[in-house]
Amino acid sequence: MTAPFFSPSFQNELEQLLIWRRDVRHFRTTPVPTPVLDELLETACLAPSVGLSEPWRFVLVNDSRRRDAIRQNFMRSNTQELEGRDGKDAQRYARLKLAGLDEAPHHIAVFCETHPQQGRGLGRATMPQTTTWSAVMAIHTFWLAATAHGIGVGWVSILNPQEAHAALSVEPKWQFLAYLCVGYPEQHANTPELERRGWEQRNPARRRWIQR
């Protein structure tokens, strides 16, 4: 089997894809066609997984009552987060838009089956958390594929995971990892919104190797 040649032009486009992959919080309400969503899931499943275990579980949340439960979860969690801050930090936090739950046409929850039969435990004996890492890789792959299609993804992490798990009525042993808002963004940007709003800046030290 001959491996494909990835040209310098493709390499540049790949870098641009990574640059333009943003955490989106402002969505248009236009739904993404079902075949496109299905294609994104297929691409996500190309992610690497320990022992070929494929531990990710993508759940499309369409039920309005479940969506509302997640929304209420976010509001409570966000209020608690704000109450834990003070001064200018609290003021900056309060001005941030931290979720697109109301506008995003699609909600996708991602879980990890931490001890799947598939893969027969290969590579997990000393580092069982690798199933979780594998599922996160699938989320990132989904995110990149969505960006390539002009679709935005927002990861809502300000949630109580136990409450989110209960609201979605999935397998009890699945680990809740992410709640994603998915849809066409109102606008595209090549820098993080948190950077544009002055919350945080990239650290140049992270671009240097740590030598040992």
N, C-alpha and C. Protein backbone atom coordinates (compact mmCIF):
# COMPACT_ATOMS: atom_id res chain seq x y z
N MET A 1 0.85 -1.19 0.00
CA MET A 1 0.00 0.00 0.00
C MET A 1 0.89 1.25 0.00
N THR A 2 0.61 2.16 -0.90
CA THR A 2 1.40 3.38 -1.01
C THR A 2 0.72 4.51 -0.23
N ALA A 3 1.46 5.13 0.66
CA ALA A 3 0.91 6.24 1.43
C ALA A 3 0.75 7.47 0.54
N PRO A 4 -0.28 8.29 0.78
CA PRO A 4 -0.46 9.49 -0.03
C PRO A 4 0.64 10.51 0.26
N PHE A 5 0.89 11.37 -0.71
CA PHE A 5 1.85 12.45 -0.53
C PHE A 5 1.10 13.70 -0.11
N PHE A 6 1.47 14.25 1.04
CA PHE A 6 0.83 15.46 1.54
C PHE A 6 1.72 16.65 1.16
N SER A 7 1.27 17.40 0.21
CA SER A 7 2.05 18.49 -0.36
C SER A 7 2.23 19.64 0.62
N PRO A 8 3.20 20.51 0.39
CA PRO A 8 3.33 21.71 1.22
C PRO A 8 2.05 22.53 1.26
N SER A 9 1.33 22.55 0.14
CA SER A 9 0.07 23.28 0.10
C SER A 9 -0.93 22.67 1.08
N PHE A 10 -1.01 21.34 1.09
CA PHE A 10 -1.91 20.67 2.03
C PHE A 10 -1.47 20.92 3.46
N GLN A 11 -0.17 20.88 3.70
CA GLN A 11 0.34 21.12 5.05
C GLN A 11 -0.06 22.51 5.54
N ASN A 12 -0.01 23.48 4.65
CA ASN A 12 -0.42 24.84 5.00
C ASN A 12 -1.91 24.89 5.29
N GLU A 13 -2.70 24.18 4.48
CA GLU A 13 -4.14 24.16 4.70
C GLU A 13 -4.48 23.49 6.03
N LEU A 14 -3.73 22.45 6.38
CA LEU A 14 -3.94 21.79 7.67
C LEU A 14 -3.66 22.75 8.82
N GLU A 15 -2.58 23.52 8.69
CA GLU A 15 -2.27 24.50 9.72
C GLU A 15 -3.38 25.54 9.82
N GLN A 16 -3.91 25.97 8.68
CA GLN A 16 -5.01 26.94 8.68
C GLN A 16 -6.25 26.35 9.35
N LEU A 17 -6.50 25.06 9.12
CA LEU A 17 -7.63 24.42 9.77
C LEU A 17 -7.48 24.48 11.28
N LEU A 18 -6.29 24.21 11.77
CA LEU A 18 -6.05 24.26 13.21
C LEU A 18 -6.18 25.69 13.75
N ILE A 19 -5.73 26.65 12.97
CA ILE A 19 -5.83 28.05 13.39
C ILE A 19 -7.29 28.51 13.47
N TRP A 20 -8.09 28.08 12.50
CA TRP A 20 -9.48 28.54 12.43
C TRP A 20 -10.45 27.67 13.22
N ARG A 21 -9.95 26.61 13.85
CA ARG A 21 -10.81 25.82 14.74
C ARG A 21 -10.99 26.58 16.04
N ARG A 22 -12.19 27.07 16.26
CA ARG A 22 -12.44 27.90 17.42
C ARG A 22 -13.57 27.32 18.26
N ASP A 23 -13.59 27.71 19.53
CA ASP A 23 -14.68 27.35 20.43
C ASP A 23 -15.79 28.36 20.20
N VAL A 24 -16.85 27.94 19.52
CA VAL A 24 -17.89 28.86 19.05
C VAL A 24 -18.99 28.99 20.10
N ARG A 25 -19.43 30.22 20.34
CA ARG A 25 -20.54 30.47 21.28
C ARG A 25 -21.69 31.22 20.63
N HIS A 26 -21.50 31.68 19.39
CA HIS A 26 -22.53 32.46 18.68
C HIS A 26 -22.91 31.70 17.41
N PHE A 27 -24.13 31.19 17.36
CA PHE A 27 -24.56 30.32 16.27
C PHE A 27 -25.75 30.90 15.51
N ARG A 28 -25.82 30.54 14.23
CA ARG A 28 -27.06 30.69 13.47
C ARG A 28 -27.94 29.50 13.80
N THR A 29 -29.26 29.67 13.68
CA THR A 29 -30.18 28.59 14.05
C THR A 29 -30.42 27.61 12.91
N THR A 30 -29.85 27.85 11.74
CA THR A 30 -30.02 26.96 10.59
C THR A 30 -29.45 25.57 10.90
N PRO A 31 -30.24 24.50 10.79
CA PRO A 31 -29.73 23.17 11.09
C PRO A 31 -28.68 22.70 10.08
N VAL A 32 -27.78 21.87 10.55
CA VAL A 32 -26.83 21.21 9.68
C VAL A 32 -27.53 19.99 9.07
N PRO A 33 -27.43 19.78 7.76
CA PRO A 33 -28.08 18.61 7.16
C PRO A 33 -27.65 17.31 7.83
N THR A 34 -28.60 16.40 8.00
CA THR A 34 -28.32 15.13 8.67
C THR A 34 -27.17 14.36 8.02
N PRO A 35 -27.10 14.28 6.67
CA PRO A 35 -25.96 13.55 6.08
C PRO A 35 -24.61 14.15 6.46
N VAL A 36 -24.56 15.47 6.65
CA VAL A 36 -23.29 16.11 7.04
C VAL A 36 -22.94 15.74 8.48
N LEU A 37 -23.93 15.76 9.37
CA LEU A 37 -23.68 15.34 10.75
C LEU A 37 -23.19 13.89 10.80
N ASP A 38 -23.83 13.05 9.99
CA ASP A 38 -23.41 11.64 9.95
C ASP A 38 -21.97 11.51 9.46
N GLU A 39 -21.61 12.33 8.48
CA GLU A 39 -20.24 12.31 7.96
C GLU A 39 -19.24 12.75 9.03
N LEU A 40 -19.62 13.75 9.83
CA LEU A 40 -18.73 14.20 10.90
C LEU A 40 -18.50 13.10 11.92
N LEU A 41 -19.55 12.34 12.23
CA LEU A 41 -19.40 11.24 13.17
C LEU A 41 -18.49 10.16 12.59
N GLU A 42 -18.66 9.86 11.32
CA GLU A 42 -17.79 8.88 10.66
C GLU A 42 -16.33 9.32 10.75
N THR A 43 -16.08 10.60 10.50
CA THR A 43 -14.71 11.11 10.56
C THR A 43 -14.17 11.06 11.98
N ALA A 44 -15.01 11.39 12.95
CA ALA A 44 -14.58 11.34 14.36
C ALA A 44 -14.09 9.95 14.73
N CYS A 45 -14.71 8.94 14.14
CA CYS A 45 -14.34 7.56 14.46
C CYS A 45 -13.03 7.13 13.81
N LEU A 46 -12.39 8.01 13.06
CA LEU A 46 -11.05 7.75 12.56
C LEU A 46 -9.98 8.09 13.59
N ALA A 47 -10.41 8.63 14.73
CA ALA A 47 -9.45 9.00 15.79
C ALA A 47 -8.75 7.76 16.33
N PRO A 48 -7.52 7.92 16.81
CA PRO A 48 -6.84 6.78 17.42
C PRO A 48 -7.49 6.40 18.74
N SER A 49 -7.44 5.11 19.07
CA SER A 49 -7.96 4.66 20.37
C SER A 49 -7.10 3.53 20.89
N VAL A 50 -6.91 3.50 22.19
CA VAL A 50 -6.07 2.50 22.82
C VAL A 50 -6.64 1.10 22.55
N GLY A 51 -5.80 0.22 22.04
CA GLY A 51 -6.22 -1.14 21.78
C GLY A 51 -7.34 -1.27 20.77
N LEU A 52 -7.55 -0.24 19.94
CA LEU A 52 -8.67 -0.18 19.00
C LEU A 52 -9.99 -0.40 19.73
N SER A 53 -10.11 0.24 20.88
CA SER A 53 -11.29 0.06 21.73
C SER A 53 -12.46 0.95 21.34
N GLU A 54 -12.19 2.05 20.63
CA GLU A 54 -13.24 3.00 20.22
C GLU A 54 -14.22 3.27 21.36
N PRO A 55 -13.75 3.84 22.47
CA PRO A 55 -14.60 3.97 23.66
C PRO A 55 -15.55 5.16 23.64
N TRP A 56 -15.51 5.97 22.59
CA TRP A 56 -16.37 7.15 22.54
C TRP A 56 -17.82 6.76 22.27
N ARG A 57 -18.74 7.55 22.84
CA ARG A 57 -20.17 7.37 22.62
C ARG A 57 -20.76 8.76 22.38
N PHE A 58 -21.14 9.03 21.13
CA PHE A 58 -21.70 10.33 20.76
C PHE A 58 -23.23 10.25 20.84
N VAL A 59 -23.82 11.14 21.61
CA VAL A 59 -25.27 11.14 21.83
C VAL A 59 -25.86 12.43 21.28
N LEU A 60 -26.74 12.31 20.29
CA LEU A 60 -27.42 13.47 19.72
C LEU A 60 -28.63 13.79 20.59
N VAL A 61 -28.61 14.96 21.21
CA VAL A 61 -29.66 15.33 22.17
C VAL A 61 -30.70 16.19 21.45
N ASN A 62 -31.83 15.59 21.13
CA ASN A 62 -32.90 16.30 20.42
C ASN A 62 -34.08 16.65 21.32
N ASP A 63 -34.27 15.90 22.39
CA ASP A 63 -35.42 16.08 23.26
C ASP A 63 -35.35 17.43 23.97
N SER A 64 -36.40 18.21 23.87
CA SER A 64 -36.40 19.57 24.41
C SER A 64 -36.30 19.57 25.94
N ARG A 65 -36.88 18.55 26.59
CA ARG A 65 -36.80 18.50 28.06
C ARG A 65 -35.38 18.21 28.52
N ARG A 66 -34.70 17.34 27.80
CA ARG A 66 -33.30 17.06 28.17
C ARG A 66 -32.42 18.27 27.91
N ARG A 67 -32.66 18.95 26.80
CA ARG A 67 -31.90 20.17 26.51
C ARG A 67 -32.13 21.21 27.60
N ASP A 68 -33.37 21.33 28.04
CA ASP A 68 -33.67 22.33 29.07
C ASP A 68 -32.98 21.96 30.38
N ALA A 69 -32.91 20.67 30.69
CA ALA A 69 -32.23 20.24 31.90
C ALA A 69 -30.74 20.61 31.85
N ILE A 70 -30.13 20.45 30.68
CA ILE A 70 -28.73 20.84 30.52
C ILE A 70 -28.59 22.36 30.65
N ARG A 71 -29.53 23.08 30.07
CA ARG A 71 -29.49 24.55 30.15
C ARG A 71 -29.58 25.02 31.61
N GLN A 72 -30.49 24.42 32.38
CA GLN A 72 -30.63 24.78 33.79
C GLN A 72 -29.37 24.39 34.56
N ASN A 73 -28.79 23.28 34.22
CA ASN A 73 -27.54 22.83 34.83
C ASN A 73 -26.46 23.88 34.60
N PHE A 74 -26.35 24.34 33.37
CA PHE A 74 -25.35 25.36 33.04
C PHE A 74 -25.59 26.64 33.83
N MET A 75 -26.83 27.08 33.90
CA MET A 75 -27.12 28.34 34.60
C MET A 75 -26.74 28.26 36.07
N ARG A 76 -27.06 27.13 36.71
CA ARG A 76 -26.67 26.96 38.12
C ARG A 76 -25.16 26.92 38.27
N SER A 77 -24.51 26.15 37.42
CA SER A 77 -23.05 26.01 37.51
C SER A 77 -22.35 27.32 37.22
N ASN A 78 -22.87 28.07 36.26
CA ASN A 78 -22.27 29.35 35.91
C ASN A 78 -22.42 30.35 37.04
N THR A 79 -23.57 30.34 37.70
CA THR A 79 -23.79 31.23 38.85
C THR A 79 -22.82 30.90 39.97
N GLN A 80 -22.62 29.62 40.23
CA GLN A 80 -21.67 29.21 41.27
C GLN A 80 -20.25 29.65 40.92
N GLU A 81 -19.89 29.52 39.65
CA GLU A 81 -18.56 29.94 39.21
C GLU A 81 -18.39 31.44 39.41
N LEU A 82 -19.40 32.21 39.04
CA LEU A 82 -19.32 33.67 39.20
C LEU A 82 -19.22 34.06 40.67
N GLU A 83 -19.97 33.38 41.53
CA GLU A 83 -19.94 33.70 42.96
C GLU A 83 -18.58 33.40 43.58
N GLY A 84 -17.80 32.52 42.94
CA GLY A 84 -16.48 32.19 43.47
C GLY A 84 -15.40 33.17 43.06
N ARG A 85 -15.79 34.20 42.31
CA ARG A 85 -14.83 35.21 41.87
C ARG A 85 -15.19 36.57 42.47
N ASP A 86 -14.24 37.47 42.48
CA ASP A 86 -14.53 38.79 43.02
C ASP A 86 -13.79 39.87 42.23
N GLY A 87 -14.16 41.11 42.49
CA GLY A 87 -13.49 42.24 41.87
C GLY A 87 -13.58 42.26 40.36
N LYS A 88 -12.51 42.70 39.73
CA LYS A 88 -12.47 42.82 38.27
C LYS A 88 -12.59 41.47 37.59
N ASP A 89 -12.07 40.42 38.27
CA ASP A 89 -12.17 39.08 37.69
C ASP A 89 -13.63 38.68 37.53
N ALA A 90 -14.45 38.98 38.52
CA ALA A 90 -15.88 38.68 38.45
C ALA A 90 -16.56 39.50 37.36
N GLN A 91 -16.16 40.76 37.23
CA GLN A 91 -16.75 41.62 36.20
C GLN A 91 -16.42 41.09 34.81
N ARG A 92 -15.17 40.71 34.60
CA ARG A 92 -14.79 40.16 33.30
C ARG A 92 -15.53 38.87 33.01
N TYR A 93 -15.63 38.03 34.03
CA TYR A 93 -16.31 36.74 33.85
C TYR A 93 -17.78 36.97 33.47
N ALA A 94 -18.43 37.89 34.13
CA ALA A 94 -19.85 38.14 33.89
C ALA A 94 -20.12 38.63 32.47
N ARG A 95 -19.13 39.24 31.83
CA ARG A 95 -19.31 39.77 30.48
C ARG A 95 -19.11 38.70 29.40
N LEU A 96 -18.57 37.55 29.78
CA LEU A 96 -18.29 36.52 28.80
C LEU A 96 -19.54 35.75 28.41
N LYS A 97 -19.64 35.40 27.15
CA LYS A 97 -20.69 34.47 26.70
C LYS A 97 -20.04 33.10 26.66
N LEU A 98 -20.49 32.22 27.54
CA LEU A 98 -19.78 30.97 27.76
C LEU A 98 -20.49 29.75 27.18
N ALA A 99 -21.61 29.94 26.51
CA ALA A 99 -22.30 28.80 25.91
C ALA A 99 -23.24 29.28 24.82
N GLY A 100 -23.47 28.41 23.84
CA GLY A 100 -24.40 28.71 22.76
C GLY A 100 -25.62 27.81 22.82
N LEU A 101 -26.03 27.45 24.04
CA LEU A 101 -27.10 26.47 24.21
C LEU A 101 -28.43 26.91 23.62
N ASP A 102 -28.71 28.20 23.63
CA ASP A 102 -30.01 28.68 23.14
C ASP A 102 -30.07 28.73 21.62
N GLU A 103 -28.96 29.04 20.97
CA GLU A 103 -28.99 29.25 19.53
C GLU A 103 -28.57 28.02 18.73
N ALA A 104 -27.65 27.23 19.24
CA ALA A 104 -27.10 26.11 18.46
C ALA A 104 -28.20 25.12 18.10
N PRO A 105 -28.34 24.77 16.83
CA PRO A 105 -29.41 23.84 16.42
C PRO A 105 -29.17 22.41 16.87
N HIS A 106 -27.92 22.05 17.16
CA HIS A 106 -27.63 20.67 17.54
C HIS A 106 -26.85 20.63 18.85
N HIS A 107 -27.27 19.71 19.72
CA HIS A 107 -26.57 19.45 20.97
C HIS A 107 -26.07 18.02 20.93
N ILE A 108 -24.79 17.83 21.21
CA ILE A 108 -24.18 16.50 21.18
C ILE A 108 -23.42 16.28 22.48
N ALA A 109 -23.81 15.25 23.21
CA ALA A 109 -23.09 14.87 24.42
C ALA A 109 -22.14 13.73 24.07
N VAL A 110 -20.96 13.77 24.66
CA VAL A 110 -19.96 12.73 24.38
C VAL A 110 -19.58 12.05 25.70
N PHE A 111 -19.65 10.73 25.67
CA PHE A 111 -19.32 9.92 26.82
C PHE A 111 -18.19 8.97 26.47
N CYS A 112 -17.61 8.40 27.50
CA CYS A 112 -16.58 7.37 27.32
C CYS A 112 -17.00 6.11 28.06
N GLU A 113 -16.96 5.00 27.37
CA GLU A 113 -17.11 3.72 28.04
C GLU A 113 -15.72 3.33 28.51
N THR A 114 -15.46 3.53 29.79
CA THR A 114 -14.10 3.45 30.30
C THR A 114 -13.52 2.04 30.33
N HIS A 115 -14.37 1.03 30.34
CA HIS A 115 -13.89 -0.35 30.36
C HIS A 115 -14.62 -1.16 29.28
N PRO A 116 -14.41 -0.82 28.03
CA PRO A 116 -15.13 -1.52 26.96
C PRO A 116 -14.59 -2.92 26.72
N GLN A 117 -15.46 -3.80 26.27
CA GLN A 117 -15.01 -5.13 25.88
C GLN A 117 -14.15 -5.06 24.62
N GLN A 118 -14.53 -4.15 23.72
CA GLN A 118 -13.76 -3.99 22.49
C GLN A 118 -12.32 -3.60 22.82
N GLY A 119 -11.38 -4.23 22.17
CA GLY A 119 -9.97 -3.98 22.45
C GLY A 119 -9.38 -4.94 23.45
N ARG A 120 -10.25 -5.62 24.21
CA ARG A 120 -9.84 -6.66 25.17
C ARG A 120 -8.74 -6.17 26.12
N GLY A 121 -8.84 -4.90 26.51
CA GLY A 121 -7.95 -4.37 27.53
C GLY A 121 -6.55 -4.04 27.09
N LEU A 122 -6.26 -4.19 25.80
CA LEU A 122 -4.89 -3.95 25.33
C LEU A 122 -4.47 -2.51 25.59
N GLY A 123 -3.31 -2.33 26.24
CA GLY A 123 -2.75 -1.00 26.48
C GLY A 123 -3.34 -0.26 27.65
N ARG A 124 -4.25 -0.91 28.40
CA ARG A 124 -4.93 -0.20 29.48
C ARG A 124 -4.56 -0.71 30.87
N ALA A 125 -3.78 -1.76 30.96
CA ALA A 125 -3.50 -2.37 32.26
C ALA A 125 -2.82 -1.39 33.21
N THR A 126 -1.82 -0.68 32.73
CA THR A 126 -1.07 0.25 33.60
C THR A 126 -1.59 1.67 33.51
N MET A 127 -2.33 2.00 32.43
CA MET A 127 -2.86 3.36 32.26
C MET A 127 -4.31 3.26 31.78
N PRO A 128 -5.23 2.89 32.68
CA PRO A 128 -6.62 2.70 32.27
C PRO A 128 -7.30 3.97 31.76
N GLN A 129 -6.75 5.13 32.12
CA GLN A 129 -7.34 6.39 31.69
C GLN A 129 -7.16 6.65 30.20
N THR A 130 -6.42 5.79 29.52
CA THR A 130 -6.21 5.99 28.08
C THR A 130 -7.51 5.86 27.29
N THR A 131 -8.52 5.19 27.83
CA THR A 131 -9.81 5.17 27.14
C THR A 131 -10.41 6.58 27.11
N THR A 132 -10.29 7.28 28.23
CA THR A 132 -10.79 8.66 28.29
C THR A 132 -10.04 9.53 27.29
N TRP A 133 -8.73 9.39 27.26
CA TRP A 133 -7.93 10.19 26.33
C TRP A 133 -8.32 9.87 24.88
N SER A 134 -8.60 8.61 24.61
CA SER A 134 -9.01 8.22 23.25
C SER A 134 -10.31 8.91 22.86
N ALA A 135 -11.26 8.96 23.79
CA ALA A 135 -12.54 9.62 23.50
C ALA A 135 -12.35 11.11 23.26
N VAL A 136 -11.43 11.72 24.01
CA VAL A 136 -11.15 13.14 23.80
C VAL A 136 -10.53 13.35 22.42
N MET A 137 -9.70 12.43 21.98
CA MET A 137 -9.15 12.51 20.63
C MET A 137 -10.27 12.48 19.59
N ALA A 138 -11.29 11.68 19.83
CA ALA A 138 -12.42 11.62 18.90
C ALA A 138 -13.17 12.95 18.88
N ILE A 139 -13.29 13.59 20.03
CA ILE A 139 -13.94 14.91 20.08
C ILE A 139 -13.15 15.91 19.25
N HIS A 140 -11.84 15.90 19.41
CA HIS A 140 -11.00 16.83 18.65
C HIS A 140 -11.09 16.55 17.16
N THR A 141 -11.12 15.28 16.79
CA THR A 141 -11.25 14.93 15.37
C THR A 141 -12.59 15.40 14.82
N PHE A 142 -13.65 15.22 15.59
CA PHE A 142 -14.97 15.72 15.20
C PHE A 142 -14.92 17.23 14.99
N TRP A 143 -14.25 17.91 15.90
CA TRP A 143 -14.16 19.38 15.88
C TRP A 143 -13.44 19.86 14.62
N LEU A 144 -12.33 19.21 14.29
CA LEU A 144 -11.59 19.60 13.09
C LEU A 144 -12.41 19.33 11.83
N ALA A 145 -13.08 18.18 11.78
CA ALA A 145 -13.92 17.86 10.62
C ALA A 145 -15.04 18.88 10.47
N ALA A 146 -15.64 19.28 11.58
CA ALA A 146 -16.70 20.28 11.54
C ALA A 146 -16.17 21.61 11.00
N THR A 147 -15.00 22.02 11.48
CA THR A 147 -14.40 23.27 11.01
C THR A 147 -14.17 23.23 9.51
N ALA A 148 -13.70 22.09 9.01
CA ALA A 148 -13.45 21.94 7.57
C ALA A 148 -14.73 22.09 6.76
N HIS A 149 -15.89 21.81 7.37
CA HIS A 149 -17.18 21.95 6.70
C HIS A 149 -17.82 23.32 6.97
N GLY A 150 -17.09 24.21 7.63
CA GLY A 150 -17.66 25.52 7.95
C GLY A 150 -18.65 25.48 9.09
N ILE A 151 -18.56 24.45 9.93
CA ILE A 151 -19.49 24.25 11.05
C ILE A 151 -18.76 24.54 12.35
N GLY A 152 -19.42 25.23 13.25
CA GLY A 152 -18.83 25.59 14.53
C GLY A 152 -19.17 24.59 15.61
N VAL A 153 -18.26 24.47 16.58
CA VAL A 153 -18.46 23.62 17.75
C VAL A 153 -18.10 24.42 18.99
N GLY A 154 -18.94 24.32 20.01
CA GLY A 154 -18.65 24.94 21.29
C GLY A 154 -18.73 23.90 22.39
N TRP A 155 -17.67 23.79 23.19
CA TRP A 155 -17.61 22.79 24.26
C TRP A 155 -18.10 23.46 25.54
N VAL A 156 -19.23 23.01 26.05
CA VAL A 156 -19.80 23.56 27.29
C VAL A 156 -19.26 22.74 28.46
N SER A 157 -18.34 23.31 29.20
CA SER A 157 -17.72 22.59 30.31
C SER A 157 -18.21 23.07 31.67
N ILE A 158 -19.01 24.13 31.70
CA ILE A 158 -19.50 24.65 32.98
C ILE A 158 -20.81 23.92 33.30
N LEU A 159 -20.66 22.66 33.65
CA LEU A 159 -21.79 21.79 33.95
C LEU A 159 -21.44 20.88 35.11
N ASN A 160 -22.45 20.48 35.86
CA ASN A 160 -22.29 19.43 36.85
C ASN A 160 -22.38 18.10 36.11
N PRO A 161 -21.28 17.33 36.03
CA PRO A 161 -21.29 16.13 35.19
C PRO A 161 -22.28 15.06 35.66
N GLN A 162 -22.46 14.92 36.97
CA GLN A 162 -23.40 13.92 37.47
C GLN A 162 -24.83 14.27 37.05
N GLU A 163 -25.19 15.54 37.16
CA GLU A 163 -26.52 15.97 36.76
C GLU A 163 -26.72 15.82 35.25
N ALA A 164 -25.69 16.13 34.48
CA ALA A 164 -25.78 16.00 33.03
C ALA A 164 -25.98 14.54 32.65
N HIS A 165 -25.24 13.67 33.30
CA HIS A 165 -25.37 12.24 33.03
C HIS A 165 -26.78 11.77 33.32
N ALA A 166 -27.33 12.17 34.46
CA ALA A 166 -28.68 11.76 34.83
C ALA A 166 -29.73 12.30 33.86
N ALA A 167 -29.55 13.53 33.40
CA ALA A 167 -30.52 14.15 32.50
C ALA A 167 -30.60 13.45 31.16
N LEU A 168 -29.51 12.80 30.75
CA LEU A 168 -29.45 12.20 29.42
C LEU A 168 -29.76 10.70 29.42
N SER A 169 -29.91 10.12 30.60
CA SER A 169 -30.37 8.73 30.73
C SER A 169 -29.60 7.75 29.86
N VAL A 170 -28.29 7.78 29.97
CA VAL A 170 -27.45 6.84 29.22
C VAL A 170 -26.98 5.72 30.16
N GLU A 171 -26.12 4.87 29.65
CA GLU A 171 -25.59 3.78 30.46
C GLU A 171 -24.92 4.32 31.72
N PRO A 172 -25.24 3.79 32.89
CA PRO A 172 -24.70 4.33 34.15
C PRO A 172 -23.18 4.35 34.22
N LYS A 173 -22.52 3.39 33.57
CA LYS A 173 -21.07 3.31 33.68
C LYS A 173 -20.34 4.22 32.69
N TRP A 174 -21.06 4.85 31.79
CA TRP A 174 -20.40 5.75 30.85
C TRP A 174 -19.93 7.00 31.58
N GLN A 175 -18.77 7.48 31.21
CA GLN A 175 -18.20 8.70 31.80
C GLN A 175 -18.57 9.90 30.95
N PHE A 176 -19.19 10.90 31.56
CA PHE A 176 -19.55 12.13 30.83
C PHE A 176 -18.30 12.96 30.57
N LEU A 177 -18.08 13.31 29.30
CA LEU A 177 -16.89 14.07 28.94
C LEU A 177 -17.19 15.46 28.44
N ALA A 178 -18.19 15.58 27.57
CA ALA A 178 -18.38 16.86 26.89
C ALA A 178 -19.82 17.05 26.46
N TYR A 179 -20.23 18.30 26.46
CA TYR A 179 -21.51 18.68 25.87
C TYR A 179 -21.20 19.72 24.82
N LEU A 180 -21.47 19.37 23.56
CA LEU A 180 -21.08 20.20 22.44
C LEU A 180 -22.27 20.89 21.81
N CYS A 181 -22.15 22.19 21.57
CA CYS A 181 -23.10 22.94 20.76
C CYS A 181 -22.55 22.94 19.33
N VAL A 182 -23.40 22.59 18.38
CA VAL A 182 -22.94 22.43 17.00
C VAL A 182 -23.87 23.16 16.04
N GLY A 183 -23.30 23.91 15.12
CA GLY A 183 -24.09 24.62 14.12
C GLY A 183 -23.22 25.58 13.34
N TYR A 184 -23.83 26.29 12.43
CA TYR A 184 -23.09 27.27 11.63
C TYR A 184 -22.83 28.51 12.48
N PRO A 185 -21.59 28.97 12.58
CA PRO A 185 -21.29 30.13 13.41
C PRO A 185 -21.80 31.43 12.79
N GLU A 186 -22.12 32.38 13.65
CA GLU A 186 -22.52 33.71 13.16
C GLU A 186 -21.36 34.38 12.44
N GLN A 187 -20.16 34.16 12.92
CA GLN A 187 -18.98 34.70 12.27
C GLN A 187 -17.80 33.79 12.55
N HIS A 188 -16.81 33.84 11.68
CA HIS A 188 -15.62 33.02 11.84
C HIS A 188 -14.49 33.89 12.40
N ALA A 189 -13.59 33.26 13.13
CA ALA A 189 -12.45 34.00 13.71
C ALA A 189 -11.25 33.07 13.79
N ASN A 190 -10.06 33.65 13.64
CA ASN A 190 -8.85 32.84 13.71
C ASN A 190 -8.10 33.02 15.03
N THR A 191 -8.76 33.67 16.00
CA THR A 191 -8.20 33.79 17.35
C THR A 191 -9.29 33.42 18.35
N PRO A 192 -8.92 32.89 19.53
CA PRO A 192 -9.92 32.53 20.53
C PRO A 192 -10.72 33.73 21.01
N GLU A 193 -12.00 33.53 21.25
CA GLU A 193 -12.83 34.62 21.76
C GLU A 193 -12.32 35.12 23.10
N LEU A 194 -11.83 34.22 23.95
CA LEU A 194 -11.30 34.64 25.25
C LEU A 194 -10.10 35.56 25.09
N GLU A 195 -9.33 35.34 24.04
CA GLU A 195 -8.20 36.23 23.76
C GLU A 195 -8.70 37.57 23.26
N ARG A 196 -9.68 37.53 22.37
CA ARG A 196 -10.21 38.79 21.82
C ARG A 196 -10.88 39.64 22.89
N ARG A 197 -11.44 39.00 23.89
CA ARG A 197 -12.13 39.72 24.95
C ARG A 197 -11.23 40.05 26.13
N GLY A 198 -9.94 39.71 26.01
CA GLY A 198 -8.99 40.10 27.03
C GLY A 198 -8.99 39.22 28.28
N TRP A 199 -9.56 38.03 28.19
CA TRP A 199 -9.57 37.15 29.37
C TRP A 199 -8.21 36.50 29.59
N GLU A 200 -7.59 36.05 28.50
CA GLU A 200 -6.30 35.39 28.61
C GLU A 200 -5.54 35.53 27.29
N GLN A 201 -4.22 35.38 27.36
CA GLN A 201 -3.38 35.43 26.18
C GLN A 201 -2.59 34.13 26.06
N ARG A 202 -2.19 33.81 24.85
CA ARG A 202 -1.35 32.64 24.64
C ARG A 202 0.02 32.86 25.29
N ASN A 203 0.60 31.79 25.76
CA ASN A 203 1.89 31.86 26.46
C ASN A 203 3.00 31.39 25.52
N PRO A 204 3.95 32.28 25.13
CA PRO A 204 5.03 31.88 24.23
C PRO A 204 5.86 30.72 24.76
N ALA A 205 5.92 30.56 26.07
CA ALA A 205 6.72 29.48 26.66
C ALA A 205 6.20 28.11 26.26
N ARG A 206 4.92 28.02 25.92
CA ARG A 206 4.34 26.73 25.52
C ARG A 206 4.79 26.33 24.12
N ARG A 207 5.42 27.24 23.40
CA ARG A 207 5.91 26.95 22.04
C ARG A 207 7.35 26.48 22.05
N ARG A 208 7.92 26.25 23.23
CA ARG A 208 9.30 25.82 23.34
C ARG A 208 9.36 24.45 23.99
N TRP A 209 10.28 23.62 23.52
CA TRP A 209 10.47 22.30 24.11
C TRP A 209 11.00 22.43 25.53
N ILE A 210 10.59 21.55 26.40
CA ILE A 210 11.22 21.39 27.70
C ILE A 210 12.28 20.30 27.55
N GLN A 211 13.51 20.66 27.79
CA GLN A 211 14.62 19.76 27.55
C GLN A 211 14.98 18.97 28.82
N ARG A 212 15.18 17.69 28.65
CA ARG A 212 15.63 16.85 29.78
C ARG A 212 16.76 15.92 29.32
